Protein backbone atom coordinates (compact mmCIF):
# COMPACT_ATOMS: atom_id res chain seq x y z
CA MET A 1 0.00 0.00 0.00
CA PRO A 2 1.17 3.60 -0.56
CA GLY A 3 2.89 5.22 2.40
CA ASP A 4 0.84 7.65 4.49
CA PRO A 5 1.69 11.26 3.56
CA SER A 6 0.69 12.51 7.02
CA SER A 7 3.31 10.27 8.63
CA ALA A 8 5.89 11.12 5.97
CA ALA A 9 5.38 14.83 6.68
CA PHE A 10 7.13 14.54 10.05
CA LEU A 11 10.19 12.94 8.48
CA VAL A 12 10.20 15.63 5.81
CA GLY A 13 10.19 18.22 8.59
CA ALA A 14 13.16 16.57 10.28
CA ALA A 15 15.07 16.62 6.98
CA ILE A 16 14.35 20.33 6.54
CA LEU A 17 15.67 21.12 10.02
CA ALA A 18 18.74 18.88 9.65
CA GLU A 19 22.24 20.31 9.27
CA GLY A 20 22.88 18.43 6.04
CA GLY A 21 22.09 15.49 3.84
CA GLU A 22 19.08 14.51 1.79
CA LEU A 23 16.16 12.28 2.71
CA ARG A 24 14.21 10.11 0.26
CA ILE A 25 10.94 8.53 1.41
CA ALA A 26 9.83 5.92 -1.10
CA ASP A 27 6.33 5.13 -2.33
CA VAL A 28 4.35 7.79 -0.49
CA GLY A 29 0.75 8.45 -1.48
CA VAL A 30 0.68 11.74 -3.40
CA ASN A 31 -3.03 12.17 -4.04
CA PRO A 32 -3.43 15.96 -4.42
CA THR A 33 -6.08 16.01 -1.68
CA ARG A 34 -3.52 14.68 0.84
CA ILE A 35 -0.37 16.70 0.16
CA GLY A 36 -1.38 20.31 0.71
CA PHE A 37 1.48 20.64 3.19
CA LEU A 38 3.98 20.37 0.32
CA GLU A 39 2.66 23.59 -1.23
CA VAL A 40 3.03 25.39 2.11
CA LEU A 41 6.62 24.14 2.42
CA ARG A 42 7.32 25.39 -1.09
CA ARG A 43 6.10 28.87 -0.14
CA MET A 44 8.21 28.72 3.00
CA GLY A 45 11.29 28.20 0.84
CA CYS A 46 11.74 24.44 1.18
CA PRO A 47 10.38 22.69 -1.90
CA VAL A 48 10.08 18.93 -1.57
CA GLN A 49 10.52 17.03 -4.82
CA ILE A 50 8.24 14.19 -5.90
CA GLU A 51 10.18 11.67 -7.95
CA SER A 52 9.58 8.19 -9.41
CA ARG A 53 5.84 8.74 -9.78
CA ALA A 54 3.74 5.62 -10.27
CA THR A 55 0.32 4.16 -9.44
CA GLN A 56 -0.36 1.58 -6.73
CA PHE A 57 -3.81 0.16 -6.06
CA GLY A 58 -5.27 2.94 -8.18
CA GLU A 59 -3.58 5.71 -6.17
CA PRO A 60 -0.70 7.97 -7.27
CA VAL A 61 2.56 7.42 -5.38
CA GLY A 62 6.03 8.87 -5.54
CA ASP A 63 9.28 9.31 -3.63
CA LEU A 64 9.46 12.46 -1.49
CA VAL A 65 12.93 14.01 -1.56
CA ALA A 66 13.66 16.61 1.13
CA LYS A 67 16.76 18.48 2.23
CA PRO A 68 17.65 21.29 4.66
CA GLY A 69 16.54 24.78 3.80
CA VAL A 70 15.97 28.30 5.11
CA LEU A 71 12.35 28.76 6.13
CA HIS A 72 10.30 31.92 5.63
CA GLY A 73 6.95 32.82 7.16
CA THR A 74 3.79 32.51 5.10
CA GLU A 75 0.00 32.65 5.35
CA VAL A 76 -1.97 29.42 5.20
CA THR A 77 -5.45 30.31 4.00
CA ALA A 78 -8.75 28.90 5.20
CA ARG A 79 -9.26 27.36 1.76
CA GLU A 80 -6.05 25.31 2.17
CA ILE A 81 -6.77 24.00 5.66
CA PRO A 82 -8.91 20.93 4.73
CA GLY A 83 -6.04 19.51 2.66
CA LEU A 84 -3.45 19.78 5.44
CA ILE A 85 -5.34 19.80 8.75
CA ASP A 86 -3.34 16.85 10.13
CA GLU A 87 -0.02 18.46 9.20
CA ILE A 88 -0.63 21.76 11.00
CA PRO A 89 1.29 20.67 14.15
CA LEU A 90 4.34 19.90 11.99
CA LEU A 91 3.98 23.10 9.96
CA ALA A 92 3.56 25.14 13.15
CA VAL A 93 6.81 23.89 14.68
CA LEU A 94 8.59 24.56 11.40
CA ALA A 95 7.05 28.06 11.40
CA SER A 96 8.69 28.63 14.78
CA ARG A 97 12.05 28.32 12.97
CA ALA A 98 11.13 30.53 9.99
CA GLU A 99 12.11 34.12 9.30
CA GLY A 100 9.12 36.30 10.09
CA SER A 101 5.63 35.21 11.09
CA THR A 102 3.27 32.52 9.85
CA ILE A 103 -0.50 32.63 10.22
CA PHE A 104 -2.84 29.67 9.92
CA ARG A 105 -6.34 30.94 9.11
CA GLU A 106 -9.57 29.45 10.43
CA VAL A 107 -8.12 26.44 12.24
CA GLY A 108 -10.75 26.20 14.99
CA GLU A 109 -11.38 22.59 13.94
CA LEU A 110 -8.15 21.72 15.74
CA ARG A 111 -9.92 22.27 19.06
CA VAL A 112 -11.90 19.05 18.53
CA LYS A 113 -9.18 16.68 17.35
CA GLU A 114 -7.58 14.07 19.66
CA SER A 115 -6.97 17.00 22.02
CA ASP A 116 -7.52 20.73 21.98
CA ARG A 117 -4.77 20.68 19.42
CA LEU A 118 -5.02 24.40 18.71
CA GLY A 119 -4.63 25.51 22.30
CA LEU A 120 -1.91 22.97 23.03
CA LEU A 121 0.07 23.96 19.94
CA ALA A 122 0.25 27.57 21.09
CA GLU A 123 0.87 26.59 24.71
CA ASN A 124 3.68 24.18 23.88
CA LEU A 125 5.36 26.49 21.38
CA ARG A 126 5.53 29.11 24.12
CA ALA A 127 6.75 26.46 26.58
CA VAL A 128 9.82 25.79 24.42
CA GLY A 129 10.58 29.48 23.93
CA ALA A 130 8.70 30.34 20.73
CA ARG A 131 6.13 33.10 20.29
CA ALA A 132 2.67 31.83 19.35
CA GLU A 133 -0.90 32.86 20.04
CA VAL A 134 -4.44 32.00 19.08
CA ILE A 135 -6.41 35.00 17.82
CA GLY A 136 -10.02 34.01 17.27
CA GLU A 137 -9.83 31.00 14.96
CA ASP A 138 -6.31 31.81 13.71
CA LEU A 139 -2.93 30.56 14.93
CA VAL A 140 -0.01 32.99 14.65
CA VAL A 141 3.57 31.76 15.06
CA GLU A 142 6.66 33.99 15.13
CA GLY A 143 9.96 32.55 13.96
CA SER A 144 13.13 32.45 16.03
CA ASP A 145 16.61 30.96 15.79
CA ALA A 146 16.97 30.38 19.55
CA ALA A 147 17.43 26.76 20.56
CA PRO A 148 14.06 25.40 21.77
CA ALA A 149 13.98 24.22 25.36
CA GLY A 150 11.14 23.22 27.66
CA ARG A 151 8.56 20.59 28.52
CA VAL A 152 5.79 19.69 26.07
CA ARG A 153 2.36 18.57 27.27
CA THR A 154 0.79 16.38 24.58
CA ALA A 155 -2.46 15.16 26.19
CA ALA A 156 -1.53 11.86 24.47
CA ASP A 157 -1.98 13.48 21.04
CA HIS A 158 0.27 11.60 18.64
CA ARG A 159 0.67 14.46 16.15
CA LEU A 160 1.72 16.91 18.85
CA ALA A 161 4.24 14.40 20.19
CA MET A 162 5.76 13.81 16.76
CA ALA A 163 5.83 17.50 15.80
CA PHE A 164 7.71 18.54 18.94
CA ALA A 165 10.03 15.53 18.64
CA VAL A 166 10.99 16.89 15.22
CA LEU A 167 11.66 20.30 16.78
CA GLY A 168 13.81 18.56 19.37
CA THR A 169 16.22 17.36 16.69
CA LEU A 170 17.66 20.88 16.33
CA PRO A 171 21.23 21.39 17.56
CA GLY A 172 21.18 22.57 21.17
CA ALA A 173 17.50 21.75 21.63
CA ARG A 174 16.29 20.50 25.01
CA VAL A 175 12.68 19.55 24.32
CA ARG A 176 11.12 17.14 26.82
CA ILE A 177 7.93 15.41 25.64
CA ASP A 178 5.63 13.94 28.26
CA ASN A 179 4.30 11.08 26.09
CA LEU A 180 6.26 10.34 22.93
CA ALA A 181 4.89 6.78 23.11
CA SER A 182 1.58 8.19 21.81
CA ALA A 183 3.23 8.41 18.36
CA ALA A 184 2.51 4.68 18.07
CA VAL A 185 -1.14 5.50 17.29
CA SER A 186 -0.18 6.32 13.70
CA PHE A 187 3.58 5.63 13.43
CA PRO A 188 4.82 2.86 15.76
CA SER A 189 8.47 3.11 14.67
CA PHE A 190 8.60 6.91 14.74
CA PRO A 191 11.19 7.43 17.54
CA GLU A 192 13.63 4.98 15.98
CA THR A 193 13.12 6.36 12.47
CA LEU A 194 13.68 9.92 13.70
CA ARG A 195 16.91 8.89 15.42
CA LYS A 196 18.16 7.29 12.19
CA ILE A 197 17.50 10.51 10.27
CA GLY A 198 19.42 12.47 12.90
CA LYS A 199 22.42 10.16 12.72
CA ARG A 200 22.45 10.34 8.93
CA ALA A 201 22.28 14.15 8.96
CA ARG A 202 25.28 14.38 11.32
CA LYS A 203 27.54 12.25 9.12
């Protein structure tokens, strides 16, 4: 079966934040309705290539190829949100490393995910030293180059755990996650896979 693009997004994020190297994730589902996050990354200055396109079980697949880049703030419109709602935690932590500010419009739906994902995103970004706030239904994140440090409260939300684990791969980071084991809900091997990416990037 094609690889899940929502799970692949976190590995893509780790590759973007890495100090070097290139990451290829093979046979990921690239149905246009599932990969809106790639367009946001392109606007942020980190295009991810789709190579070796094919079809599996009637669905388009391809290899995602990601490498480190310099991130810039952007605006994610309400129209885009349905195609990347599950990737907002990852995009928000990347936004905390971008130049300038990033705004996610009309993301109130995040309040009724596995947790109050919207409130916890802002709370945890602030907990690790970033500037973030919820204004109405919008999430605003200011970028910084300071090493993130602090304790993350996930409420057992797997996407929050994985997003902040990615942020914790930065040099000098001291991000403590209260329940990284919750990643197993959608990506059982996530901690080990993330460690492998980190080792490869440091070579």
